[in-house]
N, C-alpha and C. Protein backbone atom coordinates (compact mmCIF):
# COMPACT_ATOMS: atom_id res chain seq x y z
N MET A 1 40.51 0.71 12.71
CA MET A 1 40.37 2.08 12.24
C MET A 1 39.04 2.65 12.72
N MET A 2 39.12 3.81 13.33
CA MET A 2 37.90 4.44 13.83
C MET A 2 37.24 5.27 12.74
N VAL A 3 35.93 5.17 12.67
CA VAL A 3 35.17 5.99 11.73
C VAL A 3 34.46 7.07 12.52
N HIS A 4 34.82 8.31 12.27
CA HIS A 4 34.25 9.42 13.02
C HIS A 4 32.87 9.77 12.48
N ALA A 5 32.01 10.12 13.42
CA ALA A 5 30.65 10.50 13.04
C ALA A 5 30.69 11.74 12.15
N GLY A 6 29.81 11.82 11.25
CA GLY A 6 29.75 12.94 10.34
C GLY A 6 29.04 12.55 9.06
N ARG A 7 29.16 13.39 8.04
CA ARG A 7 28.47 13.15 6.79
C ARG A 7 28.85 11.83 6.13
N PRO A 8 30.16 11.46 6.05
CA PRO A 8 30.50 10.16 5.43
C PRO A 8 29.86 8.98 6.15
N THR A 9 29.87 9.02 7.48
CA THR A 9 29.25 7.94 8.25
C THR A 9 27.76 7.87 7.99
N GLU A 10 27.13 9.03 7.90
CA GLU A 10 25.69 9.08 7.62
C GLU A 10 25.37 8.49 6.26
N LEU A 11 26.24 8.80 5.27
CA LEU A 11 26.02 8.27 3.92
C LEU A 11 26.18 6.75 3.89
N VAL A 12 27.18 6.24 4.59
CA VAL A 12 27.39 4.79 4.64
C VAL A 12 26.21 4.12 5.33
N THR A 13 25.75 4.70 6.44
CA THR A 13 24.62 4.12 7.17
C THR A 13 23.36 4.11 6.31
N THR A 14 23.10 5.21 5.61
CA THR A 14 21.93 5.30 4.75
C THR A 14 22.00 4.30 3.60
N SER A 15 23.18 4.19 2.99
CA SER A 15 23.35 3.25 1.88
C SER A 15 23.19 1.81 2.34
N ALA A 16 23.71 1.50 3.52
CA ALA A 16 23.59 0.15 4.06
C ALA A 16 22.13 -0.20 4.34
N ALA A 17 21.38 0.77 4.86
CA ALA A 17 19.96 0.54 5.15
C ALA A 17 19.19 0.33 3.85
N ALA A 18 19.52 1.12 2.82
CA ALA A 18 18.84 0.98 1.53
C ALA A 18 19.14 -0.38 0.90
N LEU A 19 20.41 -0.83 1.02
CA LEU A 19 20.78 -2.13 0.47
C LEU A 19 20.07 -3.26 1.21
N ARG A 20 19.97 -3.12 2.53
CA ARG A 20 19.27 -4.13 3.32
C ARG A 20 17.80 -4.22 2.92
N ASP A 21 17.15 -3.06 2.74
CA ASP A 21 15.75 -3.05 2.33
C ASP A 21 15.58 -3.69 0.95
N LEU A 22 16.53 -3.41 0.04
CA LEU A 22 16.46 -3.97 -1.30
C LEU A 22 16.58 -5.49 -1.25
N VAL A 23 17.53 -5.99 -0.46
CA VAL A 23 17.72 -7.45 -0.35
C VAL A 23 16.46 -8.10 0.24
N GLU A 24 15.88 -7.46 1.25
CA GLU A 24 14.66 -8.00 1.85
C GLU A 24 13.52 -8.04 0.84
N ASP A 25 13.41 -7.00 0.02
CA ASP A 25 12.35 -6.96 -1.00
C ASP A 25 12.56 -8.06 -2.05
N VAL A 26 13.81 -8.23 -2.49
CA VAL A 26 14.10 -9.27 -3.49
C VAL A 26 13.78 -10.66 -2.93
N LEU A 27 14.14 -10.90 -1.66
CA LEU A 27 13.84 -12.19 -1.04
C LEU A 27 12.33 -12.40 -0.89
N GLU A 28 11.61 -11.32 -0.59
CA GLU A 28 10.16 -11.43 -0.47
C GLU A 28 9.53 -11.77 -1.82
N VAL A 29 10.01 -11.14 -2.89
CA VAL A 29 9.52 -11.45 -4.23
C VAL A 29 9.78 -12.92 -4.55
N ALA A 30 10.96 -13.42 -4.19
CA ALA A 30 11.30 -14.82 -4.46
C ALA A 30 10.37 -15.76 -3.71
N ARG A 31 10.06 -15.44 -2.47
CA ARG A 31 9.13 -16.29 -1.71
C ARG A 31 7.74 -16.25 -2.31
N LEU A 32 7.31 -15.08 -2.73
CA LEU A 32 5.97 -14.94 -3.32
C LEU A 32 5.87 -15.66 -4.66
N ASP A 33 7.01 -15.80 -5.34
CA ASP A 33 7.03 -16.48 -6.63
C ASP A 33 6.97 -18.00 -6.49
N THR A 34 7.25 -18.51 -5.29
CA THR A 34 7.30 -19.96 -5.07
C THR A 34 5.98 -20.43 -4.50
N PRO A 35 5.19 -21.19 -5.25
CA PRO A 35 3.88 -21.64 -4.78
C PRO A 35 3.98 -22.40 -3.46
N GLY A 36 3.08 -22.05 -2.53
CA GLY A 36 2.98 -22.76 -1.26
C GLY A 36 3.89 -22.27 -0.17
N VAL A 37 4.86 -21.41 -0.49
CA VAL A 37 5.78 -20.93 0.54
C VAL A 37 5.09 -19.93 1.46
N GLU A 38 4.37 -18.99 0.89
CA GLU A 38 3.68 -17.96 1.67
C GLU A 38 2.23 -18.37 1.92
N GLN A 39 1.84 -18.35 3.18
CA GLN A 39 0.48 -18.73 3.57
C GLN A 39 -0.15 -17.58 4.37
N ALA A 40 -1.39 -17.27 4.06
CA ALA A 40 -2.09 -16.21 4.78
C ALA A 40 -2.69 -16.76 6.07
N HIS A 41 -2.60 -15.98 7.13
CA HIS A 41 -3.21 -16.31 8.42
C HIS A 41 -4.41 -15.37 8.58
N LEU A 42 -5.56 -15.85 8.16
CA LEU A 42 -6.74 -15.00 8.06
C LEU A 42 -7.43 -14.82 9.40
N GLN A 43 -7.96 -13.62 9.60
CA GLN A 43 -8.76 -13.31 10.77
C GLN A 43 -9.70 -12.16 10.43
N ASN A 44 -10.71 -11.97 11.25
CA ASN A 44 -11.62 -10.85 11.06
C ASN A 44 -10.96 -9.57 11.55
N VAL A 45 -11.02 -8.53 10.74
CA VAL A 45 -10.38 -7.27 11.10
C VAL A 45 -11.19 -6.11 10.55
N SER A 46 -11.23 -5.01 11.29
CA SER A 46 -11.88 -3.79 10.80
C SER A 46 -11.01 -3.18 9.71
N ILE A 47 -11.59 -2.92 8.57
CA ILE A 47 -10.80 -2.42 7.46
C ILE A 47 -10.30 -1.00 7.71
N SER A 48 -11.07 -0.18 8.43
CA SER A 48 -10.59 1.18 8.71
C SER A 48 -9.43 1.16 9.70
N ALA A 49 -9.46 0.25 10.66
CA ALA A 49 -8.34 0.12 11.61
C ALA A 49 -7.09 -0.34 10.87
N LEU A 50 -7.27 -1.26 9.95
CA LEU A 50 -6.15 -1.76 9.15
C LEU A 50 -5.55 -0.62 8.33
N ALA A 51 -6.40 0.19 7.70
CA ALA A 51 -5.92 1.31 6.89
C ALA A 51 -5.19 2.33 7.74
N CYS A 52 -5.71 2.59 8.94
CA CYS A 52 -5.10 3.58 9.82
C CYS A 52 -3.70 3.13 10.25
N ARG A 53 -3.55 1.85 10.58
CA ARG A 53 -2.23 1.34 10.96
C ARG A 53 -1.25 1.42 9.80
N ALA A 54 -1.72 1.13 8.59
CA ALA A 54 -0.85 1.17 7.42
C ALA A 54 -0.37 2.59 7.15
N ILE A 55 -1.25 3.56 7.29
CA ILE A 55 -0.88 4.96 7.08
C ILE A 55 0.15 5.38 8.12
N ALA A 56 -0.05 5.01 9.38
CA ALA A 56 0.90 5.35 10.43
C ALA A 56 2.24 4.68 10.18
N CYS A 57 2.22 3.44 9.73
CA CYS A 57 3.45 2.70 9.44
C CYS A 57 4.21 3.34 8.29
N GLY A 58 3.48 3.84 7.31
CA GLY A 58 4.12 4.47 6.16
C GLY A 58 4.75 5.81 6.48
N GLY A 59 4.33 6.44 7.59
CA GLY A 59 4.90 7.70 8.01
C GLY A 59 4.70 8.83 7.03
N ARG A 60 3.60 8.81 6.32
CA ARG A 60 3.35 9.82 5.29
C ARG A 60 2.15 10.68 5.67
N ASP A 61 2.03 11.81 5.00
CA ASP A 61 0.92 12.72 5.23
C ASP A 61 -0.27 12.31 4.36
N ALA A 62 -0.68 11.06 4.51
CA ALA A 62 -1.84 10.57 3.78
C ALA A 62 -3.08 10.77 4.64
N GLU A 63 -4.18 11.02 3.98
CA GLU A 63 -5.43 11.27 4.69
C GLU A 63 -6.37 10.09 4.52
N LEU A 64 -6.93 9.61 5.64
CA LEU A 64 -7.87 8.50 5.60
C LEU A 64 -9.29 9.03 5.59
N ARG A 65 -10.06 8.60 4.61
CA ARG A 65 -11.47 8.96 4.53
C ARG A 65 -12.30 7.69 4.65
N VAL A 66 -13.16 7.63 5.65
CA VAL A 66 -13.98 6.45 5.87
C VAL A 66 -15.41 6.75 5.40
N CYS A 67 -15.78 6.18 4.27
CA CYS A 67 -17.16 6.31 3.80
C CYS A 67 -18.04 5.27 4.49
N ARG A 68 -17.52 4.04 4.59
CA ARG A 68 -18.28 2.94 5.20
C ARG A 68 -17.30 1.89 5.68
N ASP A 69 -17.30 1.65 7.00
CA ASP A 69 -16.39 0.65 7.57
C ASP A 69 -16.99 -0.74 7.36
N ALA A 70 -16.14 -1.76 7.49
CA ALA A 70 -16.60 -3.14 7.34
C ALA A 70 -15.61 -4.06 8.02
N THR A 71 -16.06 -5.24 8.36
CA THR A 71 -15.18 -6.30 8.85
C THR A 71 -14.82 -7.18 7.67
N VAL A 72 -13.52 -7.38 7.49
CA VAL A 72 -13.05 -8.20 6.38
C VAL A 72 -12.28 -9.39 6.93
N ARG A 73 -12.11 -10.39 6.07
CA ARG A 73 -11.35 -11.59 6.41
C ARG A 73 -10.00 -11.47 5.73
N ALA A 74 -8.95 -11.21 6.50
CA ALA A 74 -7.65 -10.94 5.89
C ALA A 74 -6.53 -11.28 6.87
N ASP A 75 -5.34 -11.36 6.33
CA ASP A 75 -4.11 -11.44 7.13
C ASP A 75 -3.66 -9.99 7.32
N PRO A 76 -3.80 -9.44 8.54
CA PRO A 76 -3.52 -8.01 8.73
C PRO A 76 -2.13 -7.60 8.29
N ARG A 77 -1.12 -8.41 8.58
CA ARG A 77 0.25 -8.05 8.22
C ARG A 77 0.40 -7.92 6.70
N ARG A 78 -0.17 -8.87 5.97
CA ARG A 78 -0.04 -8.84 4.52
C ARG A 78 -0.86 -7.71 3.91
N ALA A 79 -2.07 -7.50 4.42
CA ALA A 79 -2.90 -6.42 3.89
C ALA A 79 -2.27 -5.07 4.15
N GLU A 80 -1.68 -4.89 5.34
CA GLU A 80 -1.00 -3.64 5.64
C GLU A 80 0.22 -3.45 4.74
N ARG A 81 0.92 -4.53 4.46
CA ARG A 81 2.09 -4.47 3.57
C ARG A 81 1.67 -3.97 2.18
N VAL A 82 0.56 -4.49 1.68
CA VAL A 82 0.06 -4.05 0.38
C VAL A 82 -0.24 -2.56 0.41
N LEU A 83 -0.97 -2.14 1.42
CA LEU A 83 -1.39 -0.74 1.50
C LEU A 83 -0.20 0.20 1.68
N VAL A 84 0.76 -0.17 2.54
CA VAL A 84 1.96 0.65 2.72
C VAL A 84 2.69 0.80 1.39
N ASN A 85 2.81 -0.28 0.63
CA ASN A 85 3.50 -0.20 -0.66
C ASN A 85 2.75 0.70 -1.64
N LEU A 86 1.42 0.64 -1.63
CA LEU A 86 0.63 1.50 -2.52
C LEU A 86 0.80 2.97 -2.15
N ILE A 87 0.80 3.26 -0.86
CA ILE A 87 0.97 4.65 -0.40
C ILE A 87 2.37 5.14 -0.74
N THR A 88 3.39 4.31 -0.46
CA THR A 88 4.77 4.68 -0.77
C THR A 88 4.95 4.92 -2.25
N ASN A 89 4.35 4.07 -3.07
CA ASN A 89 4.42 4.22 -4.52
C ASN A 89 3.78 5.54 -4.97
N ALA A 90 2.65 5.88 -4.34
CA ALA A 90 1.96 7.12 -4.70
C ALA A 90 2.83 8.34 -4.42
N TYR A 91 3.54 8.34 -3.29
CA TYR A 91 4.39 9.48 -2.97
C TYR A 91 5.67 9.49 -3.80
N ARG A 92 6.19 8.33 -4.12
CA ARG A 92 7.45 8.26 -4.85
C ARG A 92 7.30 8.66 -6.31
N HIS A 93 6.19 8.27 -6.93
CA HIS A 93 6.05 8.46 -8.37
C HIS A 93 5.03 9.51 -8.76
N ALA A 94 4.33 10.07 -7.79
CA ALA A 94 3.22 10.95 -8.16
C ALA A 94 3.27 12.25 -7.37
N ALA A 95 2.11 12.78 -7.07
CA ALA A 95 2.04 14.07 -6.40
C ALA A 95 0.93 14.05 -5.35
N PRO A 96 1.15 14.77 -4.24
CA PRO A 96 0.09 14.87 -3.24
C PRO A 96 -1.04 15.75 -3.75
N PRO A 97 -2.20 15.74 -3.10
CA PRO A 97 -2.46 14.97 -1.90
C PRO A 97 -2.71 13.49 -2.20
N VAL A 98 -2.36 12.65 -1.23
CA VAL A 98 -2.64 11.22 -1.31
C VAL A 98 -3.72 10.90 -0.29
N THR A 99 -4.77 10.25 -0.76
CA THR A 99 -5.86 9.89 0.14
C THR A 99 -6.06 8.38 0.11
N VAL A 100 -6.47 7.85 1.26
CA VAL A 100 -6.85 6.45 1.37
C VAL A 100 -8.33 6.44 1.76
N GLU A 101 -9.15 5.92 0.87
CA GLU A 101 -10.59 5.92 1.10
C GLU A 101 -11.07 4.49 1.39
N VAL A 102 -11.78 4.35 2.49
CA VAL A 102 -12.37 3.07 2.86
C VAL A 102 -13.84 3.10 2.51
N ASP A 103 -14.27 2.14 1.71
CA ASP A 103 -15.67 2.05 1.32
C ASP A 103 -16.08 0.58 1.39
N GLY A 104 -16.57 0.17 2.55
CA GLY A 104 -16.88 -1.24 2.75
C GLY A 104 -15.60 -2.06 2.71
N PRO A 105 -15.59 -3.18 1.98
CA PRO A 105 -14.38 -4.02 1.94
C PRO A 105 -13.31 -3.51 0.98
N ARG A 106 -13.49 -2.31 0.43
CA ARG A 106 -12.53 -1.77 -0.53
C ARG A 106 -11.78 -0.58 0.05
N MET A 107 -10.49 -0.51 -0.30
CA MET A 107 -9.66 0.64 0.03
C MET A 107 -9.09 1.21 -1.26
N ARG A 108 -9.21 2.51 -1.44
CA ARG A 108 -8.69 3.15 -2.63
C ARG A 108 -7.57 4.13 -2.25
N VAL A 109 -6.44 3.98 -2.89
CA VAL A 109 -5.32 4.91 -2.71
C VAL A 109 -5.29 5.79 -3.95
N ARG A 110 -5.47 7.10 -3.74
CA ARG A 110 -5.60 8.03 -4.86
C ARG A 110 -4.54 9.12 -4.75
N GLU A 111 -3.90 9.42 -5.87
CA GLU A 111 -2.94 10.52 -5.91
C GLU A 111 -3.20 11.35 -7.16
N HIS A 112 -2.45 12.43 -7.31
CA HIS A 112 -2.77 13.40 -8.36
C HIS A 112 -1.57 13.73 -9.25
N GLY A 113 -0.79 12.70 -9.57
CA GLY A 113 0.33 12.88 -10.47
C GLY A 113 -0.05 12.60 -11.91
N PRO A 114 0.92 12.16 -12.72
CA PRO A 114 0.67 11.92 -14.15
C PRO A 114 -0.06 10.61 -14.44
N GLY A 115 -0.28 9.79 -13.43
CA GLY A 115 -0.98 8.52 -13.65
C GLY A 115 -0.01 7.37 -13.84
N PHE A 116 -0.54 6.15 -13.82
CA PHE A 116 0.29 4.97 -14.03
C PHE A 116 0.74 4.92 -15.50
N PRO A 117 1.97 4.46 -15.76
CA PRO A 117 2.42 4.29 -17.14
C PRO A 117 1.54 3.27 -17.87
N ALA A 118 1.38 3.48 -19.16
CA ALA A 118 0.55 2.59 -19.96
C ALA A 118 1.05 1.15 -19.92
N THR A 119 2.39 0.97 -19.89
CA THR A 119 2.93 -0.39 -19.86
C THR A 119 2.54 -1.11 -18.58
N LEU A 120 2.48 -0.37 -17.48
CA LEU A 120 2.09 -0.99 -16.21
C LEU A 120 0.62 -1.41 -16.24
N LEU A 121 -0.23 -0.53 -16.78
CA LEU A 121 -1.66 -0.85 -16.86
C LEU A 121 -1.93 -2.02 -17.81
N ASN A 122 -1.13 -2.11 -18.88
CA ASN A 122 -1.35 -3.15 -19.88
C ASN A 122 -0.76 -4.50 -19.49
N HIS A 123 0.38 -4.47 -18.79
CA HIS A 123 1.10 -5.71 -18.53
C HIS A 123 1.29 -6.02 -17.04
N GLY A 124 0.87 -5.10 -16.16
CA GLY A 124 1.06 -5.31 -14.74
C GLY A 124 2.46 -4.89 -14.31
N PRO A 125 2.72 -4.85 -13.00
CA PRO A 125 4.04 -4.46 -12.49
C PRO A 125 5.13 -5.43 -12.96
N GLN A 126 6.26 -4.88 -13.37
CA GLN A 126 7.39 -5.67 -13.82
C GLN A 126 8.60 -5.34 -12.95
N ARG A 127 9.10 -6.31 -12.24
CA ARG A 127 10.27 -6.07 -11.38
C ARG A 127 11.46 -5.63 -12.21
N PHE A 128 12.24 -4.71 -11.64
CA PHE A 128 13.45 -4.18 -12.26
C PHE A 128 13.17 -3.48 -13.60
N HIS A 129 11.91 -3.09 -13.81
CA HIS A 129 11.57 -2.37 -15.05
C HIS A 129 11.16 -0.96 -14.68
N THR A 130 11.85 0.02 -15.23
CA THR A 130 11.51 1.42 -15.00
C THR A 130 11.44 2.14 -16.33
N THR A 131 10.84 3.32 -16.29
CA THR A 131 10.82 4.16 -17.48
C THR A 131 11.63 5.41 -17.21
N ALA A 132 11.81 6.22 -18.24
CA ALA A 132 12.62 7.43 -18.09
C ALA A 132 12.02 8.40 -17.09
N SER A 133 10.71 8.31 -16.88
CA SER A 133 10.03 9.26 -16.00
C SER A 133 9.78 8.72 -14.60
N THR A 134 10.24 7.49 -14.31
CA THR A 134 9.98 6.91 -13.01
C THR A 134 11.28 6.55 -12.31
N ARG A 135 11.17 6.41 -10.96
CA ARG A 135 12.30 5.98 -10.17
C ARG A 135 11.92 4.67 -9.47
N GLY A 136 12.93 3.95 -9.02
CA GLY A 136 12.67 2.71 -8.30
C GLY A 136 12.94 1.50 -9.17
N LEU A 137 12.69 0.33 -8.60
CA LEU A 137 13.00 -0.93 -9.27
C LEU A 137 11.76 -1.76 -9.59
N GLY A 138 10.59 -1.22 -9.35
CA GLY A 138 9.37 -1.95 -9.66
C GLY A 138 9.04 -3.04 -8.67
N LEU A 139 9.72 -3.05 -7.52
CA LEU A 139 9.49 -4.13 -6.56
C LEU A 139 8.27 -3.88 -5.66
N GLY A 140 7.99 -2.61 -5.37
CA GLY A 140 6.87 -2.30 -4.46
C GLY A 140 5.54 -2.83 -4.96
N LEU A 141 5.20 -2.52 -6.21
CA LEU A 141 3.93 -3.00 -6.76
C LEU A 141 3.98 -4.50 -7.05
N THR A 142 5.17 -5.02 -7.40
CA THR A 142 5.30 -6.46 -7.61
C THR A 142 4.99 -7.21 -6.32
N ILE A 143 5.52 -6.71 -5.21
CA ILE A 143 5.25 -7.32 -3.90
C ILE A 143 3.78 -7.18 -3.55
N ALA A 144 3.20 -6.02 -3.83
CA ALA A 144 1.77 -5.81 -3.53
C ALA A 144 0.91 -6.82 -4.28
N VAL A 145 1.20 -7.02 -5.56
CA VAL A 145 0.43 -7.98 -6.36
C VAL A 145 0.61 -9.40 -5.82
N GLY A 146 1.84 -9.75 -5.42
CA GLY A 146 2.08 -11.08 -4.87
C GLY A 146 1.35 -11.30 -3.56
N GLN A 147 1.36 -10.31 -2.68
CA GLN A 147 0.65 -10.43 -1.40
C GLN A 147 -0.86 -10.49 -1.61
N VAL A 148 -1.35 -9.74 -2.58
CA VAL A 148 -2.79 -9.79 -2.90
C VAL A 148 -3.18 -11.20 -3.33
N ARG A 149 -2.32 -11.83 -4.11
CA ARG A 149 -2.58 -13.20 -4.57
C ARG A 149 -2.64 -14.16 -3.39
N VAL A 150 -1.72 -14.02 -2.42
CA VAL A 150 -1.72 -14.87 -1.24
C VAL A 150 -2.99 -14.64 -0.42
N LEU A 151 -3.43 -13.39 -0.34
CA LEU A 151 -4.63 -13.05 0.42
C LEU A 151 -5.92 -13.52 -0.25
N GLY A 152 -5.85 -13.82 -1.54
CA GLY A 152 -7.08 -14.14 -2.28
C GLY A 152 -7.92 -12.89 -2.48
N ALA A 153 -7.26 -11.75 -2.54
CA ALA A 153 -7.95 -10.47 -2.70
C ALA A 153 -7.84 -10.01 -4.15
N ASP A 154 -8.18 -8.75 -4.40
CA ASP A 154 -8.15 -8.21 -5.75
C ASP A 154 -7.53 -6.82 -5.72
N LEU A 155 -6.67 -6.52 -6.68
CA LEU A 155 -6.04 -5.21 -6.78
C LEU A 155 -6.23 -4.68 -8.18
N ARG A 156 -6.80 -3.48 -8.28
CA ARG A 156 -7.04 -2.85 -9.58
C ARG A 156 -6.29 -1.53 -9.65
N LEU A 157 -5.50 -1.36 -10.72
CA LEU A 157 -4.77 -0.12 -10.96
C LEU A 157 -5.40 0.59 -12.15
N GLU A 158 -5.64 1.90 -12.00
CA GLU A 158 -6.29 2.64 -13.08
C GLU A 158 -5.93 4.11 -13.01
N ASN A 159 -6.15 4.79 -14.11
CA ASN A 159 -6.00 6.23 -14.19
C ASN A 159 -7.38 6.85 -14.36
N PRO A 160 -7.92 7.47 -13.31
CA PRO A 160 -9.25 8.07 -13.42
C PRO A 160 -9.31 9.14 -14.49
N ALA A 161 -10.49 9.38 -14.99
CA ALA A 161 -10.67 10.33 -16.09
C ALA A 161 -10.27 11.75 -15.70
N ASP A 162 -10.38 12.09 -14.41
CA ASP A 162 -10.05 13.46 -13.99
C ASP A 162 -8.59 13.60 -13.58
N GLY A 163 -7.76 12.62 -13.90
CA GLY A 163 -6.32 12.73 -13.65
C GLY A 163 -5.84 11.93 -12.46
N GLY A 164 -4.53 11.79 -12.39
CA GLY A 164 -3.92 11.05 -11.29
C GLY A 164 -4.01 9.55 -11.49
N ALA A 165 -3.75 8.83 -10.42
CA ALA A 165 -3.80 7.37 -10.45
C ALA A 165 -4.55 6.87 -9.22
N GLN A 166 -5.14 5.70 -9.36
CA GLN A 166 -5.89 5.11 -8.25
C GLN A 166 -5.65 3.60 -8.21
N ALA A 167 -5.36 3.11 -7.00
CA ALA A 167 -5.22 1.68 -6.77
C ALA A 167 -6.32 1.25 -5.81
N THR A 168 -7.09 0.24 -6.19
CA THR A 168 -8.20 -0.23 -5.36
C THR A 168 -7.92 -1.64 -4.88
N LEU A 169 -7.83 -1.79 -3.56
CA LEU A 169 -7.64 -3.11 -2.93
C LEU A 169 -8.99 -3.57 -2.40
N ALA A 170 -9.46 -4.70 -2.91
CA ALA A 170 -10.75 -5.26 -2.47
C ALA A 170 -10.48 -6.53 -1.67
N LEU A 171 -10.84 -6.51 -0.40
CA LEU A 171 -10.67 -7.65 0.49
C LEU A 171 -11.98 -8.42 0.62
N THR A 172 -11.90 -9.61 1.19
CA THR A 172 -13.07 -10.46 1.32
C THR A 172 -13.87 -10.08 2.57
N PRO A 173 -15.16 -9.74 2.43
CA PRO A 173 -15.97 -9.45 3.62
C PRO A 173 -16.04 -10.66 4.54
N ALA A 174 -16.03 -10.41 5.84
CA ALA A 174 -16.12 -11.50 6.81
C ALA A 174 -17.53 -12.08 6.78
N ALA A 175 -17.63 -13.41 6.78
CA ALA A 175 -18.94 -14.06 6.77
C ALA A 175 -19.63 -13.89 8.12
N HIS A 176 -18.83 -13.89 9.17
CA HIS A 176 -19.36 -13.72 10.52
C HIS A 176 -18.46 -12.76 11.26
N GLY A 177 -18.91 -12.29 12.37
CA GLY A 177 -18.11 -11.38 13.16
C GLY A 177 -18.87 -10.11 13.42
N PRO A 178 -18.30 -9.21 14.22
CA PRO A 178 -19.00 -7.97 14.58
C PRO A 178 -19.25 -7.11 13.36
N ASP A 179 -20.44 -6.54 13.31
CA ASP A 179 -20.80 -5.65 12.21
C ASP A 179 -20.30 -4.25 12.54
N THR A 180 -19.31 -3.79 11.78
CA THR A 180 -18.76 -2.47 12.02
C THR A 180 -19.23 -1.45 10.99
N SER A 181 -20.20 -1.85 10.18
CA SER A 181 -20.61 -0.96 9.09
C SER A 181 -21.21 0.34 9.58
N GLY A 182 -21.71 0.36 10.82
CA GLY A 182 -22.31 1.59 11.33
C GLY A 182 -21.40 2.39 12.21
N GLU A 183 -20.13 1.96 12.39
CA GLU A 183 -19.25 2.65 13.31
C GLU A 183 -18.78 3.99 12.77
N HIS A 184 -18.60 4.09 11.46
CA HIS A 184 -18.11 5.32 10.87
C HIS A 184 -19.01 5.74 9.73
N PRO A 185 -20.24 6.20 10.04
CA PRO A 185 -21.13 6.60 8.97
C PRO A 185 -20.59 7.83 8.25
N SER A 186 -21.06 7.99 7.02
CA SER A 186 -20.60 9.12 6.22
C SER A 186 -21.47 10.33 6.51
N HIS A 187 -20.83 11.42 6.97
CA HIS A 187 -21.52 12.68 7.20
C HIS A 187 -20.73 13.78 6.53
N PRO A 188 -21.39 14.78 5.96
CA PRO A 188 -20.67 15.87 5.32
C PRO A 188 -19.68 16.51 6.28
N GLY A 189 -18.44 16.68 5.85
CA GLY A 189 -17.42 17.31 6.67
C GLY A 189 -16.78 16.40 7.69
N ASP A 190 -17.22 15.13 7.79
CA ASP A 190 -16.72 14.24 8.83
C ASP A 190 -15.85 13.14 8.27
N GLU A 191 -15.86 12.93 6.95
CA GLU A 191 -15.20 11.76 6.37
C GLU A 191 -13.70 11.75 6.58
N ALA A 192 -13.05 12.93 6.65
CA ALA A 192 -11.59 12.99 6.69
C ALA A 192 -11.06 13.29 8.08
N MET A 193 -11.85 13.08 9.11
CA MET A 193 -11.44 13.43 10.46
C MET A 193 -10.47 12.43 11.07
N ARG A 194 -10.45 11.20 10.58
CA ARG A 194 -9.73 10.14 11.28
C ARG A 194 -8.38 9.86 10.68
N CYS A 195 -7.42 9.69 11.56
CA CYS A 195 -6.12 9.12 11.17
C CYS A 195 -5.37 9.94 10.16
N ARG A 196 -5.32 11.22 10.36
CA ARG A 196 -4.47 12.07 9.49
C ARG A 196 -3.08 12.08 10.09
N VAL A 197 -2.10 11.63 9.34
CA VAL A 197 -0.73 11.48 9.85
C VAL A 197 0.12 12.64 9.35
N LYS A 198 0.74 13.34 10.26
CA LYS A 198 1.61 14.47 9.90
C LYS A 198 3.07 14.09 10.16
């Protein structure tokens, strides 16, 4: 039986892609839950370059602000996965503008929606747990937390006093390697020039 191109075919293709992504996320959570299965391959990497790649990969209109660049010791693929999930979560559950700020070994993802739910802040991300005001299955932040654990990094979720939500990913500074701290100094009007994705 031939399936003609059109709206029904597009819906089937979209649904199949969504199901595939869901299965991949569930399998990733299962691997992260099993001690010793996931191993980080650490290397020295510029944190601003890492953030820029993650923003481009996410395909969102997020703005990168570099206050102070640094070389960190991380697994680039895993760190980018964490950041992409944080950016995606910010757009899915909150409101623009979304900014990614690099300040030394820390990256902050900030948005201006209603903030993280109290249950999330109190108990951490819960897979397959949603509230009446949220969409999704809770897998994005669950994966981010799992990857952070593999990286030996730190992830802090908070609601700033002036509104919105902020996720701060703190990576380990490289003990040795090129010093990139002076590559992107902070100058008035210059912080948001790099890596704006439209």
